[in-house]
Each structure stands twice: as structure tokens, then as C-alpha cells.
Amino acid sequence: MHYNGGYLIGQINKLINRRINELLKEENVNEFNGAQGTIIFVLTEEGPMPIKDIGKATGLAKTSLTSMLDRMEKQGLIKKRENENDRRSTIIDLTERSRGYKEVIEKVSQEVNREFYKKIKAKDIERFEATLQKVLDNLKD
């Protein structure tokens, strides 16, 4: 039997990112893209953290993440500081400027989730998310 789950998830991811970028533009946010918004969202929710943890939370590869964080620092969206507990790692924190985008990021996220799940019943959403969690756990092993 032939399964297409990975392909479908990849296609969904591309469409979601495209939609997030469209919604950010509609909100007149041109300072960052959807992937950068995800980093801002994670830091808003979790607080300052090492780059490694941001990678785990966002699923972004370290090579892409490092260059993205460098751009975000130049744009004044994040600040970096040495990790006092581990001098080999860097702590990433939000600037006041990026904290101001919290409401817009939440609004965009809610809209994308609404569009994602329209026409799907709550019980099916629960089953779907439980299955996705199992797939994620399988891939982490």
C-alpha cells in the first residue's frame, strides 16, 4: 500500500506558511514573515530560551534558524545574550518592538486555525491531532 502522509503534510505546511504571510500583510506587518512570527510566538509564550530549544519548539533546522535569528537581530526583533549557565549557548529574547506584535500573531494564528479546521467536526479534530502527535513522537525516536 502507498501512503502520502509526509507529502500531504509538506503541502499543507507550504499553504499554511503562504496564508500566514498573506494575513500578516493584511495586518500591515512587513517586518517579519511567518517563520519569524513563529519564533516570536514561541518566545512570547515560553520566554527567553537557547537557540537549541527554539529549534525544537519551531521545528526549524539549526542552519536556517541561525541565519534567521541573525536577520531578526538586525531588524531589532530579538536580542541575544550569553547563557550564564552554559557559555557555549546563546539565549534569545524578544525586544519591546517584537513584543508589540503579540496580538497580531495571535489573531493570525487563530484565523489560520479556523481556516484549517473549517468543515471538520471536533471529534475528528481530536482524533487527527492525536494521530499527528503519534507521528511526531515516532519521528522524534
Protein backbone atom coordinates (compact mmCIF):
# COMPACT_ATOMS: atom_id res chain seq x y z
CA MET A 1 0.00 0.00 0.00
CA HIS A 2 1.21 3.51 -0.84
CA TYR A 3 0.87 6.28 1.79
CA ASN A 4 1.19 10.02 1.16
CA GLY A 5 1.14 11.43 4.70
CA GLY A 6 4.56 13.07 4.57
CA TYR A 7 3.87 14.62 1.18
CA LEU A 8 0.46 15.90 2.30
CA ILE A 9 1.88 17.39 5.50
CA GLY A 10 4.57 19.14 3.45
CA GLN A 11 1.97 20.59 1.08
CA ILE A 12 -0.20 21.71 4.00
CA ASN A 13 2.83 23.36 5.60
CA LYS A 14 3.56 25.34 2.42
CA LEU A 15 -0.04 26.50 2.14
CA ILE A 16 -0.21 27.48 5.80
CA ASN A 17 3.00 29.49 5.54
CA ARG A 18 1.69 31.23 2.43
CA ARG A 19 -1.59 32.05 4.20
CA ILE A 20 0.21 33.33 7.31
CA ASN A 21 2.29 35.67 5.14
CA GLU A 22 -0.89 36.91 3.40
CA LEU A 23 -2.60 37.57 6.72
CA LEU A 24 0.46 39.38 8.09
CA LYS A 25 0.41 41.67 5.04
CA GLU A 26 -3.31 42.29 5.56
CA GLU A 27 -2.42 43.38 9.09
CA ASN A 28 0.26 45.69 7.62
CA VAL A 29 3.06 43.66 9.19
CA ASN A 30 6.03 43.67 6.84
CA GLU A 31 8.79 43.40 9.44
CA PHE A 32 8.80 39.61 9.56
CA ASN A 33 7.49 36.54 7.77
CA GLY A 34 5.51 33.57 9.07
CA ALA A 35 8.54 31.56 10.18
CA GLN A 36 9.93 34.54 12.07
CA GLY A 37 6.46 35.10 13.54
CA THR A 38 6.57 31.54 14.85
CA ILE A 39 9.80 32.33 16.66
CA ILE A 40 8.26 35.48 18.14
CA PHE A 41 5.19 33.47 19.18
CA VAL A 42 7.29 30.78 20.88
CA LEU A 43 9.36 33.38 22.75
CA THR A 44 6.18 35.23 23.75
CA GLU A 45 4.70 32.05 25.19
CA GLU A 46 7.84 30.47 26.69
CA GLY A 47 10.13 33.42 27.42
CA PRO A 48 13.86 33.70 26.64
CA MET A 49 15.49 30.42 25.60
CA PRO A 50 18.58 28.93 23.98
CA ILE A 51 18.69 28.60 20.20
CA LYS A 52 18.57 24.79 20.52
CA ASP A 53 15.23 25.00 22.35
CA ILE A 54 13.79 27.40 19.77
CA GLY A 55 14.72 24.85 17.11
CA LYS A 56 12.88 22.11 19.00
CA ALA A 57 9.81 24.28 19.55
CA THR A 58 9.58 25.51 15.95
CA GLY A 59 10.93 22.53 14.05
CA LEU A 60 13.39 24.79 12.21
CA ALA A 61 16.81 23.36 11.34
CA LYS A 62 19.75 24.93 13.16
CA THR A 63 21.31 26.26 9.93
CA SER A 64 18.13 28.07 8.84
CA LEU A 65 17.41 29.15 12.39
CA THR A 66 20.83 30.72 12.92
CA SER A 67 20.63 32.88 9.80
CA MET A 68 17.00 33.76 10.54
CA LEU A 69 17.91 34.85 14.08
CA ASP A 70 20.78 36.96 12.73
CA ARG A 71 18.34 38.76 10.40
CA MET A 72 15.84 39.21 13.21
CA GLU A 73 18.52 40.69 15.44
CA LYS A 74 19.49 43.19 12.71
CA GLN A 75 15.81 44.10 12.35
CA GLY A 76 15.56 44.76 16.09
CA LEU A 77 13.09 41.92 16.72
CA ILE A 78 15.25 39.84 19.07
CA LYS A 79 18.29 40.27 21.24
CA LYS A 80 20.98 37.73 22.02
CA ARG A 81 22.90 37.26 25.22
CA GLU A 82 25.34 34.75 26.58
CA ASN A 83 23.84 31.86 28.51
CA GLU A 84 25.17 32.23 32.06
CA ASN A 85 24.58 28.50 32.71
CA ASP A 86 26.29 27.32 29.51
CA ARG A 87 28.77 29.63 27.82
CA ARG A 88 28.59 27.54 24.63
CA SER A 89 24.99 28.58 24.01
CA THR A 90 23.20 31.84 23.39
CA ILE A 91 19.90 32.95 24.91
CA ILE A 92 17.39 34.59 22.58
CA ASP A 93 14.87 37.11 23.90
CA LEU A 94 12.31 39.42 22.36
CA THR A 95 12.77 43.15 22.10
CA GLU A 96 9.99 45.51 23.16
CA ARG A 97 9.31 46.10 19.48
CA SER A 98 8.55 42.44 18.77
CA ARG A 99 6.51 42.06 21.96
CA GLY A 100 4.14 44.60 20.42
CA TYR A 101 3.22 42.07 17.72
CA LYS A 102 1.77 39.53 20.16
CA GLU A 103 -1.88 40.39 19.42
CA VAL A 104 -1.37 40.36 15.64
CA ILE A 105 0.42 37.00 15.79
CA GLU A 106 -2.37 35.53 17.94
CA LYS A 107 -5.02 36.92 15.56
CA VAL A 108 -3.26 35.47 12.50
CA SER A 109 -2.75 32.13 14.27
CA GLN A 110 -6.43 31.92 15.24
CA GLU A 111 -7.54 32.74 11.69
CA VAL A 112 -5.27 30.10 10.18
CA ASN A 113 -6.55 27.52 12.69
CA ARG A 114 -10.15 28.49 11.89
CA GLU A 115 -9.49 28.03 8.16
CA PHE A 116 -7.53 24.82 8.77
CA TYR A 117 -10.34 23.13 10.68
CA LYS A 118 -13.44 24.52 8.96
CA LYS A 119 -15.84 21.76 7.93
CA ILE A 120 -14.19 19.30 10.35
CA LYS A 121 -16.04 18.08 13.45
CA ALA A 122 -14.49 18.42 16.90
CA LYS A 123 -14.23 14.64 17.43
CA ASP A 124 -12.42 14.30 14.09
CA ILE A 125 -10.06 17.13 15.04
CA GLU A 126 -9.22 15.37 18.31
CA ARG A 127 -8.53 12.08 16.51
CA PHE A 128 -6.49 13.84 13.83
CA GLU A 129 -4.33 15.70 16.34
CA ALA A 130 -3.80 12.54 18.39
CA THR A 131 -2.60 10.77 15.25
CA LEU A 132 -0.32 13.67 14.33
CA GLN A 133 1.15 13.56 17.84
CA LYS A 134 1.92 9.86 17.36
CA VAL A 135 3.62 10.60 14.03
CA LEU A 136 5.64 13.36 15.67
CA ASP A 137 6.64 11.04 18.52
CA ASN A 138 7.66 8.36 16.01
CA LEU A 139 9.91 10.81 14.20
CA LYS A 140 11.49 12.05 17.42
CA ASP A 141 12.52 8.50 18.44
